[in-house]
Amino acid sequence: MAEVGTSLEATRASHALIHAAEGEHFRTAVASAAARVGQRVVRIAAKALPVQAAAAAGESADVVAALLKAADRGLGPPWGADQKSAALLAWLVLRSGGRPALP
């Protein structure tokens, strides 16, 4: 993710920072749209997602990692980082009654 305070010039000069800024822009647009229609929005850092999903499921982070690995073997491609994050988020929301705990 682009660091707060990164200048526009620095962001434009870095391919990685351009993609990070694009991702943040997309997440902000989706969160804003959801909030406008009355949906509760909770943003969870990607690094915190496995821990929160495990806590919501009452499992250890190791058990959740093993389940993701088993899904990887069973589902096949595409099963990358985005799909794992989506699965963790879905699990978190479903296990917490649609109301994930704030980090």
C-alpha atoms as a PDB file:
ATOM      1  CA  MET A   1       0.000   0.000   0.000  1.00  0.00           C
ATOM      2  CA  ALA A   2       1.214   3.495  -0.729  1.00  0.00           C
ATOM      3  CA  GLU A   3       2.508   5.120   2.391  1.00  0.00           C
ATOM      4  CA  VAL A   4       0.616   8.054   3.801  1.00  0.00           C
ATOM      5  CA  GLY A   5       2.348  11.205   2.700  1.00  0.00           C
ATOM      6  CA  THR A   6       3.835   9.675  -0.438  1.00  0.00           C
ATOM      7  CA  SER A   7       3.934  12.417  -3.015  1.00  0.00           C
ATOM      8  CA  LEU A   8       2.026  12.093  -6.251  1.00  0.00           C
ATOM      9  CA  GLU A   9       5.315  12.307  -8.123  1.00  0.00           C
ATOM     10  CA  ALA A  10       6.818   9.426  -6.110  1.00  0.00           C
ATOM     11  CA  THR A  11       3.693   7.321  -6.594  1.00  0.00           C
ATOM     12  CA  ARG A  12       3.647   7.958 -10.344  1.00  0.00           C
ATOM     13  CA  ALA A  13       7.333   7.003 -10.571  1.00  0.00           C
ATOM     14  CA  SER A  14       6.797   3.600  -8.929  1.00  0.00           C
ATOM     15  CA  HIS A  15       4.864   0.842 -10.661  1.00  0.00           C
ATOM     16  CA  ALA A  16       4.235  -0.901  -7.316  1.00  0.00           C
ATOM     17  CA  LEU A  17       2.975   2.293  -5.671  1.00  0.00           C
ATOM     18  CA  ILE A  18       0.637   2.944  -8.606  1.00  0.00           C
ATOM     19  CA  HIS A  19      -0.973  -0.459  -8.079  1.00  0.00           C
ATOM     20  CA  ALA A  20      -1.144   0.075  -4.314  1.00  0.00           C
ATOM     21  CA  ALA A  21      -2.851   3.439  -4.808  1.00  0.00           C
ATOM     22  CA  GLU A  22      -5.238   1.903  -7.324  1.00  0.00           C
ATOM     23  CA  GLY A  23      -6.170  -0.829  -4.831  1.00  0.00           C
ATOM     24  CA  GLU A  24      -6.748   1.691  -2.060  1.00  0.00           C
ATOM     25  CA  HIS A  25      -8.883   3.818  -4.388  1.00  0.00           C
ATOM     26  CA  PHE A  26     -11.015   0.772  -5.278  1.00  0.00           C
ATOM     27  CA  ARG A  27     -11.451  -0.272  -1.619  1.00  0.00           C
ATOM     28  CA  THR A  28     -12.417   3.270  -0.646  1.00  0.00           C
ATOM     29  CA  ALA A  29     -14.957   3.494  -3.495  1.00  0.00           C
ATOM     30  CA  VAL A  30     -16.589   0.188  -2.506  1.00  0.00           C
ATOM     31  CA  ALA A  31     -16.664   1.138   1.196  1.00  0.00           C
ATOM     32  CA  SER A  32     -18.168   4.552   0.399  1.00  0.00           C
ATOM     33  CA  ALA A  33     -20.856   3.025  -1.822  1.00  0.00           C
ATOM     34  CA  ALA A  34     -21.747   0.447   0.832  1.00  0.00           C
ATOM     35  CA  ALA A  35     -21.957   3.111   3.532  1.00  0.00           C
ATOM     36  CA  ARG A  36     -24.212   5.290   1.337  1.00  0.00           C
ATOM     37  CA  VAL A  37     -26.782   2.498   1.125  1.00  0.00           C
ATOM     38  CA  GLY A  38     -26.685   1.877   4.869  1.00  0.00           C
ATOM     39  CA  GLN A  39     -24.309  -1.069   5.011  1.00  0.00           C
ATOM     40  CA  ARG A  40     -21.949  -1.314   7.956  1.00  0.00           C
ATOM     41  CA  VAL A  41     -18.372  -1.082   6.718  1.00  0.00           C
ATOM     42  CA  VAL A  42     -15.471  -2.607   8.602  1.00  0.00           C
ATOM     43  CA  ARG A  43     -12.048  -2.457   7.020  1.00  0.00           C
ATOM     44  CA  ILE A  44      -9.640  -5.159   8.124  1.00  0.00           C
ATOM     45  CA  ALA A  45      -5.956  -5.099   7.306  1.00  0.00           C
ATOM     46  CA  ALA A  46      -4.943  -8.041   5.128  1.00  0.00           C
ATOM     47  CA  LYS A  47      -2.356  -9.133   7.687  1.00  0.00           C
ATOM     48  CA  ALA A  48      -5.017  -9.249  10.435  1.00  0.00           C
ATOM     49  CA  LEU A  49      -7.528 -11.229   8.372  1.00  0.00           C
ATOM     50  CA  PRO A  50      -6.228 -14.772   9.118  1.00  0.00           C
ATOM     51  CA  VAL A  51      -6.097 -14.078  12.860  1.00  0.00           C
ATOM     52  CA  GLN A  52      -9.575 -12.536  12.941  1.00  0.00           C
ATOM     53  CA  ALA A  53     -11.082 -15.313  10.821  1.00  0.00           C
ATOM     54  CA  ALA A  54      -9.543 -17.930  13.105  1.00  0.00           C
ATOM     55  CA  ALA A  55     -10.852 -16.152  16.206  1.00  0.00           C
ATOM     56  CA  ALA A  56     -14.359 -15.869  14.744  1.00  0.00           C
ATOM     57  CA  ALA A  57     -14.321 -19.589  13.952  1.00  0.00           C
ATOM     58  CA  GLY A  58     -12.915 -20.519  17.340  1.00  0.00           C
ATOM     59  CA  GLU A  59      -9.916 -22.122  15.670  1.00  0.00           C
ATOM     60  CA  SER A  60      -6.183 -21.550  15.774  1.00  0.00           C
ATOM     61  CA  ALA A  61      -4.426 -19.704  12.985  1.00  0.00           C
ATOM     62  CA  ASP A  62      -2.632 -22.985  12.181  1.00  0.00           C
ATOM     63  CA  VAL A  63      -5.956 -24.804  11.658  1.00  0.00           C
ATOM     64  CA  VAL A  64      -7.194 -22.038   9.370  1.00  0.00           C
ATOM     65  CA  ALA A  65      -3.920 -22.113   7.405  1.00  0.00           C
ATOM     66  CA  ALA A  66      -4.280 -25.889   7.013  1.00  0.00           C
ATOM     67  CA  LEU A  67      -7.862 -25.493   5.775  1.00  0.00           C
ATOM     68  CA  LEU A  68      -6.757 -22.919   3.196  1.00  0.00           C
ATOM     69  CA  LYS A  69      -3.962 -25.226   2.069  1.00  0.00           C
ATOM     70  CA  ALA A  70      -6.429 -28.114   1.713  1.00  0.00           C
ATOM     71  CA  ALA A  71      -8.738 -25.880  -0.313  1.00  0.00           C
ATOM     72  CA  ASP A  72      -5.795 -24.961  -2.517  1.00  0.00           C
ATOM     73  CA  ARG A  73      -5.194 -28.629  -3.303  1.00  0.00           C
ATOM     74  CA  GLY A  74      -8.889 -29.396  -3.763  1.00  0.00           C
ATOM     75  CA  LEU A  75      -9.969 -26.402  -5.803  1.00  0.00           C
ATOM     76  CA  GLY A  76      -6.980 -25.814  -8.019  1.00  0.00           C
ATOM     77  CA  PRO A  77      -6.320 -22.651  -9.985  1.00  0.00           C
ATOM     78  CA  PRO A  78      -7.082 -19.908  -9.651  1.00  0.00           C
ATOM     79  CA  TRP A  79      -6.491 -20.098  -5.908  1.00  0.00           C
ATOM     80  CA  GLY A  80      -4.073 -17.317  -5.118  1.00  0.00           C
ATOM     81  CA  ALA A  81      -3.775 -14.698  -2.431  1.00  0.00           C
ATOM     82  CA  ASP A  82      -6.939 -12.866  -3.549  1.00  0.00           C
ATOM     83  CA  GLN A  83      -9.043 -16.024  -3.395  1.00  0.00           C
ATOM     84  CA  LYS A  84      -7.614 -16.963   0.017  1.00  0.00           C
ATOM     85  CA  SER A  85      -8.392 -13.486   1.362  1.00  0.00           C
ATOM     86  CA  ALA A  86     -11.923 -13.647  -0.031  1.00  0.00           C
ATOM     87  CA  ALA A  87     -12.450 -17.055   1.595  1.00  0.00           C
ATOM     88  CA  LEU A  88     -11.124 -15.802   4.934  1.00  0.00           C
ATOM     89  CA  LEU A  89     -13.317 -12.713   4.790  1.00  0.00           C
ATOM     90  CA  ALA A  90     -16.396 -14.766   3.927  1.00  0.00           C
ATOM     91  CA  TRP A  91     -15.634 -17.137   6.795  1.00  0.00           C
ATOM     92  CA  LEU A  92     -15.147 -14.212   9.172  1.00  0.00           C
ATOM     93  CA  VAL A  93     -18.436 -12.573   8.193  1.00  0.00           C
ATOM     94  CA  LEU A  94     -20.424 -15.814   8.254  1.00  0.00           C
ATOM     95  CA  ARG A  95     -18.997 -16.978  11.594  1.00  0.00           C
ATOM     96  CA  SER A  96     -19.580 -13.597  13.230  1.00  0.00           C
ATOM     97  CA  GLY A  97     -23.220 -13.295  12.200  1.00  0.00           C
ATOM     98  CA  GLY A  98     -22.436 -10.749   9.494  1.00  0.00           C
ATOM     99  CA  ARG A  99     -20.835  -8.400  11.996  1.00  0.00           C
ATOM    100  CA  PRO A 100     -17.057  -8.856  12.135  1.00  0.00           C
ATOM    101  CA  ALA A 101     -15.414  -7.515  15.260  1.00  0.00           C
ATOM    102  CA  LEU A 102     -13.490  -4.309  14.858  1.00  0.00           C
ATOM    103  CA  PRO A 103      -9.725  -4.831  14.874  1.00  0.00           C
END
